[in-house]
Amino acid sequence: MAGGEGVPKRIDVIATAITAGMTAEDMCSLDLSYSPPFAPVWDPVLIAANELNKKIGREKSQD
């Protein structure tokens, strides 16, 4: 990953998910911290996991 602020946090989240053997579906259930003045409510990692689940046909609402 390359980028500005927030990239180290996202690297840590993805590295932890890989180490834990999490699936994209598992990642959709993560409760990540946020600070409204500095970051969106939906973290880009969660958005990516949700998009992947949609593409493979496992939207959370279908559970």
Protein backbone atom coordinates (compact mmCIF):
# COMPACT_ATOMS: atom_id res chain seq x y z
CA MET A 1 0.00 0.00 0.00
CA ALA A 2 1.02 3.54 -0.61
CA GLY A 3 -0.66 6.72 0.44
CA GLY A 4 -1.07 9.33 3.09
CA GLU A 5 -2.61 9.32 6.50
CA GLY A 6 -4.34 6.16 7.62
CA VAL A 7 -2.32 3.76 5.47
CA PRO A 8 -0.37 2.26 8.41
CA LYS A 9 -3.64 1.45 10.22
CA ARG A 10 -5.05 -0.26 7.13
CA ILE A 11 -1.86 -2.26 6.65
CA ASP A 12 -2.11 -3.40 10.28
CA VAL A 13 -5.77 -4.42 9.86
CA ILE A 14 -5.08 -6.42 6.69
CA ALA A 15 -1.92 -8.01 8.13
CA THR A 16 -3.87 -9.06 11.23
CA ALA A 17 -6.70 -10.48 9.10
CA ILE A 18 -4.21 -12.50 7.03
CA THR A 19 -2.44 -13.78 10.15
CA ALA A 20 -5.78 -14.77 11.70
CA GLY A 21 -6.88 -16.52 8.50
CA MET A 22 -9.93 -14.29 8.16
CA THR A 23 -12.13 -14.34 5.08
CA ALA A 24 -13.59 -11.21 3.49
CA GLU A 25 -16.87 -12.23 5.10
CA ASP A 26 -15.18 -12.32 8.52
CA MET A 27 -13.68 -8.90 7.89
CA CYS A 28 -17.14 -7.41 7.30
CA SER A 29 -17.86 -8.05 10.98
CA LEU A 30 -14.86 -6.10 12.25
CA ASP A 31 -15.65 -3.16 14.48
CA LEU A 32 -12.88 -0.71 13.59
CA SER A 33 -12.34 2.55 15.40
CA TYR A 34 -12.98 5.87 13.76
CA SER A 35 -12.89 9.53 14.61
CA PRO A 36 -15.50 11.58 12.70
CA PRO A 37 -13.34 14.68 12.28
CA PHE A 38 -10.52 12.63 10.73
CA ALA A 39 -11.99 9.54 9.07
CA PRO A 40 -15.21 8.23 7.54
CA VAL A 41 -17.52 5.93 9.52
CA TRP A 42 -16.95 3.17 6.96
CA ASP A 43 -13.26 2.33 6.83
CA PRO A 44 -11.94 1.64 3.30
CA VAL A 45 -10.92 -1.88 4.41
CA LEU A 46 -14.54 -2.62 5.36
CA ILE A 47 -15.80 -1.13 2.11
CA ALA A 48 -13.39 -3.35 0.15
CA ALA A 49 -14.44 -6.46 2.10
CA ASN A 50 -18.12 -5.70 1.48
CA GLU A 51 -17.48 -5.16 -2.24
CA LEU A 52 -15.60 -8.46 -2.46
CA ASN A 53 -18.46 -10.25 -0.73
CA LYS A 54 -20.91 -8.76 -3.23
CA LYS A 55 -18.78 -9.94 -6.14
CA ILE A 56 -18.62 -13.48 -4.81
CA GLY A 57 -22.29 -13.48 -3.87
CA ARG A 58 -22.05 -13.43 -0.09
CA GLU A 59 -23.58 -10.15 0.96
CA LYS A 60 -24.05 -9.91 4.71
CA SER A 61 -27.79 -9.35 4.26
CA GLN A 62 -28.11 -12.81 2.67
CA ASP A 63 -26.86 -14.65 5.80
